Protein backbone atom coordinates (compact mmCIF):
# COMPACT_ATOMS: atom_id res chain seq x y z
CA UNK A 1 -4.45 -57.59 10.98
CA UNK A 2 -1.15 -58.12 9.35
CA UNK A 3 1.88 -57.24 11.57
CA UNK A 4 3.93 -54.50 10.54
CA UNK A 5 7.69 -54.81 9.20
CA UNK A 6 10.30 -54.61 11.92
CA UNK A 7 12.08 -52.02 9.88
CA UNK A 8 9.43 -49.58 10.88
CA UNK A 9 10.09 -50.13 14.55
CA UNK A 10 6.28 -49.99 15.11
CA UNK A 11 4.46 -52.09 17.56
CA UNK A 12 1.83 -54.49 16.22
CA UNK A 13 -1.81 -53.04 16.79
CA UNK A 14 -5.17 -53.69 16.01
CA UNK A 15 -7.84 -51.09 15.20
CA UNK A 16 -8.79 -50.11 18.78
CA UNK A 17 -5.15 -49.64 19.72
CA UNK A 18 -4.49 -47.53 16.94
CA UNK A 19 -7.64 -45.54 17.56
CA UNK A 20 -6.43 -44.96 21.28
CA UNK A 21 -2.96 -44.30 20.11
CA UNK A 22 -4.08 -41.63 17.81
CA UNK A 23 -6.36 -40.12 20.30
CA UNK A 24 -3.81 -39.88 22.94
CA UNK A 25 -1.49 -38.46 20.28
CA UNK A 26 -4.01 -35.66 19.51
CA UNK A 27 -3.75 -34.35 23.24
CA UNK A 28 -0.20 -34.72 23.10
CA UNK A 29 0.01 -32.58 19.88
CA UNK A 30 -2.08 -29.96 21.37
CA UNK A 31 0.22 -29.56 24.29
CA UNK A 32 3.37 -28.99 22.09
CA UNK A 33 4.70 -32.43 20.98
CA UNK A 34 3.08 -32.50 17.59
CA UNK A 35 6.07 -33.27 15.45
CA UNK A 36 6.99 -36.34 17.48
CA UNK A 37 3.47 -37.51 17.51
CA UNK A 38 2.99 -36.84 13.69
CA UNK A 39 6.31 -38.77 13.17
CA UNK A 40 4.91 -41.89 14.67
CA UNK A 41 1.46 -41.81 13.25
CA UNK A 42 2.66 -40.97 9.69
CA UNK A 43 4.43 -44.33 9.71
CA UNK A 44 1.28 -46.23 10.22
CA UNK A 45 -0.46 -44.09 7.64
CA UNK A 46 2.20 -45.20 5.32
CA UNK A 47 1.12 -48.73 5.90
CA UNK A 48 -2.55 -47.71 5.32
CA UNK A 49 -3.28 -48.81 8.87
CA UNK A 50 -5.17 -45.57 10.10
CA UNK A 51 -8.79 -46.43 10.71
CA UNK A 52 -11.36 -44.12 9.09
CA UNK A 53 -12.45 -43.11 12.65
CA UNK A 54 -9.08 -41.77 13.30
CA UNK A 55 -8.67 -39.54 10.22
CA UNK A 56 -10.24 -36.61 11.89
CA UNK A 57 -7.81 -36.42 15.06
CA UNK A 58 -4.94 -37.34 12.83
CA UNK A 59 -5.88 -34.43 10.70
CA UNK A 60 -5.60 -32.19 13.76
CA UNK A 61 -2.24 -33.68 14.54
CA UNK A 62 -0.87 -32.78 11.16
CA UNK A 63 -2.14 -29.13 11.71
CA UNK A 64 -0.63 -28.84 15.16
CA UNK A 65 2.72 -30.39 13.47
CA UNK A 66 2.66 -27.80 10.78
CA UNK A 67 1.88 -25.16 13.43
CA UNK A 68 5.00 -26.15 15.48
CA UNK A 69 7.48 -26.67 12.57
CA UNK A 70 10.13 -24.22 12.40
CA UNK A 71 9.97 -21.72 9.50
CA UNK A 72 12.87 -23.26 7.42
CA UNK A 73 11.43 -26.80 7.40
CA UNK A 74 9.79 -26.51 4.02
CA UNK A 75 10.18 -30.06 2.47
CA UNK A 76 8.87 -31.79 5.80
CA UNK A 77 5.83 -29.40 5.80
CA UNK A 78 5.09 -30.09 2.26
CA UNK A 79 4.98 -33.78 3.23
CA UNK A 80 2.60 -33.04 5.77
CA UNK A 81 0.19 -31.52 3.64
CA UNK A 82 0.43 -34.40 1.10
CA UNK A 83 -0.62 -36.65 4.10
CA UNK A 84 -3.45 -34.43 5.12
CA UNK A 85 -4.90 -34.78 1.65
CA UNK A 86 -4.85 -38.50 1.88
CA UNK A 87 -7.50 -38.45 4.60
CA UNK A 88 -11.16 -38.78 4.23
CA UNK A 89 -12.71 -35.65 5.98
CA UNK A 90 -15.63 -33.58 5.96
CA UNK A 91 -15.12 -30.30 4.13
CA UNK A 92 -16.03 -27.50 4.47
CA UNK A 93 -14.60 -27.69 8.07
CA UNK A 94 -12.58 -25.46 10.57
CA UNK A 95 -9.92 -27.99 10.28
CA UNK A 96 -9.73 -27.63 6.56
CA UNK A 97 -9.53 -23.76 6.98
CA UNK A 98 -6.88 -24.20 9.61
CA UNK A 99 -4.74 -26.09 7.24
CA UNK A 100 -5.21 -23.38 4.68
CA UNK A 101 -3.77 -20.96 7.12
CA UNK A 102 -0.70 -23.04 7.40
CA UNK A 103 -0.33 -23.48 3.61
CA UNK A 104 -0.27 -19.73 3.59
CA UNK A 105 2.63 -19.46 6.02
CA UNK A 106 4.46 -22.20 4.25
CA UNK A 107 4.19 -20.18 1.00
CA UNK A 108 5.71 -17.15 2.74
CA UNK A 109 8.38 -19.12 4.46
CA UNK A 110 9.47 -20.95 1.37
CA UNK A 111 9.72 -17.68 -0.44
CA UNK A 112 11.83 -16.23 2.51
CA UNK A 113 14.09 -19.32 2.48
CA UNK A 114 14.56 -19.34 -1.46
CA UNK A 115 15.40 -15.62 -1.31
CA UNK A 116 19.33 -16.14 -0.81
CA UNK A 117 19.75 -19.73 -2.13
CA UNK A 118 20.84 -20.98 -5.48
CA UNK A 119 17.95 -21.71 -7.99
CA UNK A 120 18.95 -25.47 -8.06
CA UNK A 121 18.82 -25.85 -4.17
CA UNK A 122 15.33 -24.28 -3.61
CA UNK A 123 12.39 -26.22 -2.42
CA UNK A 124 9.37 -24.46 -3.80
CA UNK A 125 5.80 -24.60 -2.55
CA UNK A 126 3.02 -23.55 -5.01
CA UNK A 127 -0.11 -21.96 -3.41
CA UNK A 128 -2.01 -22.15 -6.73
CA UNK A 129 -1.15 -26.04 -6.86
CA UNK A 130 -2.12 -26.36 -3.30
CA UNK A 131 -5.62 -24.75 -3.87
CA UNK A 132 -6.39 -27.19 -6.80
CA UNK A 133 -6.36 -29.91 -4.11
CA UNK A 134 -7.73 -27.73 -1.19
CA UNK A 135 -10.82 -26.73 -3.33
CA UNK A 136 -11.68 -23.12 -3.08
CA UNK A 137 -15.44 -24.13 -3.11
CA UNK A 138 -14.34 -24.99 0.64
CA UNK A 139 -13.90 -21.66 1.94
CA UNK A 140 -16.15 -20.95 4.77
CA UNK A 141 -17.85 -17.57 5.84
CA UNK A 142 -15.15 -17.55 8.59
CA UNK A 143 -12.35 -17.46 5.97
CA UNK A 144 -13.96 -14.13 4.75
CA UNK A 145 -14.20 -12.47 8.16
CA UNK A 146 -11.63 -9.83 9.33
CA UNK A 147 -10.89 -10.02 13.22
CA UNK A 148 -10.41 -6.90 15.43
CA UNK A 149 -7.16 -6.40 17.28
CA UNK A 150 -6.86 -3.16 19.46
CA UNK A 151 -9.36 -1.28 17.48
CA UNK A 152 -7.93 -2.35 13.97
CA UNK A 153 -9.27 -4.73 11.50
CA UNK A 154 -6.95 -7.58 10.47
CA UNK A 155 -7.03 -9.09 6.98
CA UNK A 156 -9.19 -12.12 6.63
CA UNK A 157 -7.73 -15.47 5.61
CA UNK A 158 -8.98 -14.98 2.06
CA UNK A 159 -7.39 -11.56 1.68
CA UNK A 160 -4.12 -12.98 2.77
CA UNK A 161 -4.58 -15.94 0.32
CA UNK A 162 -5.44 -13.62 -2.67
CA UNK A 163 -2.26 -11.60 -1.99
CA UNK A 164 -0.12 -14.72 -2.32
CA UNK A 165 -1.90 -16.17 -5.28
CA UNK A 166 -1.33 -12.92 -7.09
CA UNK A 167 2.22 -12.91 -6.05
CA UNK A 168 2.88 -16.41 -7.47
CA UNK A 169 0.73 -15.54 -10.64
CA UNK A 170 2.94 -12.42 -11.45
CA UNK A 171 6.08 -14.47 -10.84
CA UNK A 172 5.13 -17.30 -13.20
CA UNK A 173 3.40 -14.76 -15.45
CA UNK A 174 0.26 -16.91 -15.59
CA UNK A 175 -3.47 -16.14 -15.30
CA UNK A 176 -5.77 -17.31 -12.76
CA UNK A 177 -8.30 -20.19 -13.22
CA UNK A 178 -11.80 -19.19 -13.32
CA UNK A 179 -12.37 -20.30 -9.52
CA UNK A 180 -9.61 -18.14 -8.25
CA UNK A 181 -10.78 -15.26 -10.41
CA UNK A 182 -14.21 -15.73 -9.00
CA UNK A 183 -12.90 -15.37 -5.52
CA UNK A 184 -10.76 -12.36 -6.34
CA UNK A 185 -13.81 -10.57 -7.90
CA UNK A 186 -16.03 -11.57 -4.87
CA UNK A 187 -13.44 -10.07 -2.64
CA UNK A 188 -13.40 -6.65 -4.54
CA UNK A 189 -17.24 -6.42 -3.60
CA UNK A 190 -16.72 -7.87 -0.17
CA UNK A 191 -13.92 -5.33 0.81
CA UNK A 192 -14.55 -2.18 -1.06
CA UNK A 193 -12.32 -0.32 1.36
CA UNK A 194 -9.33 -2.54 0.56
CA UNK A 195 -6.73 -0.89 -1.43
CA UNK A 196 -4.81 -4.15 -1.41
CA UNK A 197 -7.54 -6.13 -2.81
CA UNK A 198 -8.07 -3.41 -5.66
CA UNK A 199 -4.25 -3.85 -6.28
CA UNK A 200 -4.50 -7.36 -6.64
CA UNK A 201 -7.35 -7.26 -9.03
CA UNK A 202 -5.43 -4.68 -10.82
CA UNK A 203 -2.42 -7.06 -11.03
CA UNK A 204 -4.55 -9.68 -12.75
CA UNK A 205 -5.88 -7.27 -15.26
CA UNK A 206 -2.25 -6.37 -16.07
CA UNK A 207 -1.41 -9.85 -16.61
CA UNK A 208 -4.25 -10.20 -19.15
CA UNK A 209 -2.98 -7.10 -20.84
CA UNK A 210 -6.15 -5.12 -19.59
CA UNK A 211 -4.35 -1.95 -18.76
CA UNK A 212 -7.08 0.58 -18.63
CA UNK A 213 -9.39 -1.72 -16.40
CA UNK A 214 -5.97 -2.06 -14.01
CA UNK A 215 -5.41 1.68 -14.15
CA UNK A 216 -8.91 2.43 -12.98
CA UNK A 217 -8.72 0.06 -10.02
CA UNK A 218 -5.24 1.52 -9.01
CA UNK A 219 -6.43 5.14 -9.04
CA UNK A 220 -9.06 4.12 -6.56
CA UNK A 221 -6.62 2.24 -4.39
CA UNK A 222 -4.18 5.22 -4.50
CA UNK A 223 -6.84 7.59 -3.26
CA UNK A 224 -7.46 5.18 -0.49
CA UNK A 225 -3.73 4.76 0.34
CA UNK A 226 -1.68 7.53 -1.41
CA UNK A 227 1.45 6.62 0.70
CA UNK A 228 1.82 2.93 -0.53
CA UNK A 229 4.65 2.99 -3.03
CA UNK A 230 3.65 -0.35 -4.67
CA UNK A 231 0.31 1.19 -5.79
CA UNK A 232 2.25 3.74 -7.53
CA UNK A 233 4.85 1.29 -8.96
CA UNK A 234 1.86 -0.90 -10.20
CA UNK A 235 0.13 2.17 -11.82
CA UNK A 236 3.26 2.95 -13.75
CA UNK A 237 2.86 -0.82 -15.16
CA UNK A 238 -0.19 0.35 -17.13
CA UNK A 239 1.77 3.09 -18.78
CA UNK A 240 3.99 2.62 -22.05
CA UNK A 241 7.49 3.82 -21.38
CA UNK A 242 7.74 4.33 -24.94
CA UNK A 243 4.51 5.96 -25.70
CA UNK A 244 4.36 8.20 -22.60
CA UNK A 245 7.69 8.20 -21.01
CA UNK A 246 7.20 11.60 -18.85
CA UNK A 247 4.23 9.88 -17.10
CA UNK A 248 5.71 6.67 -16.60
CA UNK A 249 8.83 8.45 -14.91
CA UNK A 250 6.35 10.50 -12.79
CA UNK A 251 4.62 7.53 -11.56
CA UNK A 252 7.79 5.64 -10.60
CA UNK A 253 9.10 8.73 -8.90
CA UNK A 254 5.93 8.75 -6.78
CA UNK A 255 6.61 5.15 -6.01
CA UNK A 256 10.45 5.92 -5.02
CA UNK A 257 9.59 9.03 -2.95
CA UNK A 258 6.58 7.37 -1.04
CA UNK A 259 7.23 6.04 2.41
CA UNK A 260 8.95 2.39 2.36
CA UNK A 261 12.30 0.79 2.85
CA UNK A 262 14.74 1.32 -0.05
CA UNK A 263 15.42 -2.56 0.23
CA UNK A 264 12.05 -2.91 -1.67
CA UNK A 265 12.68 -0.28 -4.29
CA UNK A 266 15.59 -1.39 -6.27
CA UNK A 267 13.31 -2.74 -9.15
CA UNK A 268 11.87 0.77 -9.12
CA UNK A 269 15.29 2.29 -9.86
CA UNK A 270 16.02 -0.30 -12.39
CA UNK A 271 12.90 0.47 -14.14
CA UNK A 272 13.81 4.37 -14.04
CA UNK A 273 17.26 3.56 -15.27
CA UNK A 274 15.89 1.63 -18.17
CA UNK A 275 13.60 4.38 -19.33
CA UNK A 276 16.39 7.11 -18.58
CA UNK A 277 18.93 5.28 -20.65
CA UNK A 278 16.55 4.53 -23.55
CA UNK A 279 15.83 8.36 -23.92
CA UNK A 280 19.68 9.27 -23.82
CA UNK A 281 19.87 10.40 -20.18
CA UNK A 282 22.89 8.34 -19.43
CA UNK A 283 24.23 10.27 -16.31
CA UNK A 284 20.85 10.05 -14.75
CA UNK A 285 20.56 6.42 -15.37
CA UNK A 286 23.81 5.63 -14.11
CA UNK A 287 22.94 7.40 -10.80
CA UNK A 288 20.14 4.92 -10.38
CA UNK A 289 22.20 1.96 -11.27
CA UNK A 290 24.81 2.89 -8.70
CA UNK A 291 22.15 3.31 -6.06
CA UNK A 292 20.90 -0.18 -6.89
CA UNK A 293 24.54 -1.64 -7.03
CA UNK A 294 25.23 -0.05 -3.53
CA UNK A 295 21.85 -1.46 -1.99
CA UNK A 296 22.45 -4.89 -3.37
CA UNK A 297 26.01 -5.20 -2.21
CA UNK A 298 25.12 -4.16 1.23
CA UNK A 299 22.73 -7.07 1.27
CA UNK A 300 24.79 -9.48 -0.61
CA UNK A 301 22.09 -9.72 -3.47
CA UNK A 302 22.58 -10.89 -7.07
CA UNK A 303 22.22 -8.13 -9.65
CA UNK A 304 19.58 -9.00 -12.20
CA UNK A 305 20.24 -9.58 -15.87
CA UNK A 306 18.41 -6.30 -16.60
CA UNK A 307 20.85 -4.28 -14.46
CA UNK A 308 23.74 -5.65 -16.39
CA UNK A 309 21.85 -4.97 -19.76
CA UNK A 310 21.12 -1.26 -19.06
CA UNK A 311 24.81 -0.94 -17.75
CA UNK A 312 26.14 -2.04 -21.26
CA UNK A 313 24.18 0.64 -22.96
CA UNK A 314 25.88 3.60 -20.98
CA UNK A 315 28.99 5.12 -22.58
CA UNK A 316 32.32 4.21 -20.54
CA UNK A 317 32.81 7.95 -19.64
CA UNK A 318 29.44 8.57 -18.32
CA UNK A 319 29.53 10.66 -14.96
CA UNK A 320 26.59 9.87 -12.64
CA UNK A 321 24.21 12.96 -12.13
CA UNK A 322 21.30 13.12 -9.55
CA UNK A 323 18.08 13.14 -11.35
CA UNK A 324 15.92 14.50 -8.48
CA UNK A 325 15.28 17.82 -10.29
CA UNK A 326 14.45 16.03 -13.62
CA UNK A 327 11.87 13.98 -11.62
CA UNK A 328 10.41 16.92 -9.80
CA UNK A 329 9.57 18.69 -13.06
CA UNK A 330 7.22 15.82 -14.09
CA UNK A 331 5.79 14.95 -10.93
CA UNK A 332 2.62 17.08 -11.43
CA UNK A 333 1.81 14.56 -14.07
CA UNK A 334 1.36 11.67 -11.73
CA UNK A 335 -0.82 14.04 -9.61
CA UNK A 336 -2.92 14.79 -12.52
CA UNK A 337 -3.43 11.12 -13.44
CA UNK A 338 -4.90 10.62 -9.88
CA UNK A 339 -6.38 13.83 -8.65
CA UNK A 340 -7.46 15.75 -11.83
CA UNK A 341 -11.02 14.44 -11.85
CA UNK A 342 -11.56 15.35 -8.04
CA UNK A 343 -13.22 18.52 -6.81
CA UNK A 344 -10.76 21.05 -5.36
CA UNK A 345 -11.46 23.46 -2.64
CA UNK A 346 -9.77 26.74 -1.30
CA UNK A 347 -9.42 26.35 2.52
CA UNK A 348 -8.05 28.26 5.36
CA UNK A 349 -5.61 26.91 7.92
CA UNK A 350 -7.75 27.61 11.14
CA UNK A 351 -6.11 25.49 13.95
CA UNK A 352 -2.64 24.31 14.41
CA UNK A 353 -2.38 21.12 16.88
CA UNK A 354 1.13 20.62 18.27
CA UNK A 355 2.45 17.19 19.43
CA UNK A 356 1.56 16.70 23.05
CA UNK A 357 4.44 16.25 25.77
CA UNK A 358 3.82 12.48 25.79
CA UNK A 359 4.26 12.25 22.07
CA UNK A 360 7.62 14.21 22.38
CA UNK A 361 8.88 12.07 25.10
CA UNK A 362 7.91 8.65 23.39
CA UNK A 363 10.81 9.01 20.93
CA UNK A 364 8.78 7.05 18.48
CA UNK A 365 8.89 8.52 14.91
CA UNK A 366 8.56 12.14 14.27
CA UNK A 367 5.86 13.88 16.55
CA UNK A 368 2.80 14.49 14.57
CA UNK A 369 1.50 17.95 13.72
CA UNK A 370 -2.03 18.18 12.48
CA UNK A 371 -4.01 21.31 10.94
CA UNK A 372 -7.68 21.88 10.91
CA UNK A 373 -8.56 23.63 7.65
CA UNK A 374 -11.70 25.24 6.79
CA UNK A 375 -13.72 26.09 3.57
CA UNK A 376 -16.00 28.94 2.93
CA UNK A 377 -19.18 26.90 4.08
CA UNK A 378 -17.54 26.24 7.55
CA UNK A 379 -16.72 22.70 6.63
CA UNK A 380 -13.66 21.19 8.59
CA UNK A 381 -11.12 18.86 7.44
CA UNK A 382 -7.89 17.58 9.25
CA UNK A 383 -4.58 17.02 7.53
CA UNK A 384 -0.93 16.06 8.25
CA UNK A 385 1.11 18.80 6.58
CA UNK A 386 4.10 16.53 6.38
CA UNK A 387 2.15 13.89 4.35
CA UNK A 388 1.80 16.72 1.59
CA UNK A 389 5.01 18.04 1.96
CA UNK A 390 3.93 21.57 3.43
CA UNK A 391 5.86 23.43 5.66
CA UNK A 392 4.45 22.45 8.98
CA UNK A 393 5.03 25.87 10.35
CA UNK A 394 2.91 27.91 7.89
CA UNK A 395 0.92 30.36 9.94
CA UNK A 396 -2.88 30.31 10.75
CA UNK A 397 -5.00 32.10 8.15
CA UNK A 398 -2.75 30.84 5.12
CA UNK A 399 -4.63 29.62 2.21
CA UNK A 400 -4.43 26.06 0.74
CA UNK A 401 -5.92 24.11 -2.30
CA UNK A 402 -7.13 20.68 -1.25
CA UNK A 403 -8.56 17.65 -3.18
CA UNK A 404 -11.27 15.79 -1.46
CA UNK A 405 -12.26 12.14 -1.97
CA UNK A 406 -14.79 10.27 0.38
CA UNK A 407 -14.81 13.23 2.62
CA UNK A 408 -11.12 13.42 3.27
CA UNK A 409 -8.20 15.42 1.83
CA UNK A 410 -6.11 13.28 -0.36
CA UNK A 411 -3.89 16.17 -1.89
CA UNK A 412 -2.92 19.56 -0.51
CA UNK A 413 -0.69 22.39 -1.80
CA UNK A 414 -0.17 25.95 -0.76
CA UNK A 415 -2.44 28.31 -2.77
């Protein structure tokens, strides 16, 4: 075997030495020294000196090095993945699946690091391009399996992967390849209870301009999770702001008023300002733009070109006016879009469950009030009055109208 160049600072080794060196390095990597081990072994790889027998333990060294790398180390982790793909390994395999989890983490970290950087300094990582090499045919049954944690089902690797793929597709305005689309469609059937997967499939429909198909899936998703603001926002994307501006505004208002941090709702306010200004409601549009400007200034974010475009439409003497009352008048349109086809019942409040002493002392969030409501046939349902903007102190015996989906109350109002 040829001796390595001195510039690499490597000791000359024959195959048995390298095999032992990598095998020992694998054990060190597991114990937390993976990055140091990887850097040493990678230089042998660059000399094409890694015996085939050592490809498997070297693959695990790469995995542990990825796992132990800091979140902001984007370029070095991309290089590790490139080295991994040079190996000859059996796939599908647990190691291949574990590498996929690190690619998922890398995509998220690259997005986070890029958020506050100038575009020309950003190191990007494409999960779509990664999958073209990784090959979606290598998804294993374990990649589809959800795990239990403290009684809750955690999303599977495949669910997490689809979410990131759709994020990139939306960002680049591109459609998925047939392999990825097949995986997304399989996930819709595999996880019928997942409002997130329904939402992701709907996003792909929107990209393909199949808005009716998208709206149908999003209605189902909202029935499963009416408190998720991004579902209402995505449903608004299926409505034309010029052909049906009132419904468009109503859906955006639902998104704006649903639980969730204001930091994630700046684009919703810009969309509202856009349609308001186009309809001549300049004062209301300025109110929304001022909210966005304040939020972005606090976080030192750059205002989008769309923000500046809308601002230029407004007359110089425009005085901001809170559009809340305007939105409230149209909110029923969003409710009708979701709940009109559902059966409604008249029920009576029959029990009021107050927060326990422990709940009051915990100081975590607002203590929860629960009502039992009963229909004329004696069927009982439980609701949280705050979720439906009901006065939590309404007396026993009061009448309510509720809408039912899959045996649960999804909308309630005082009769």
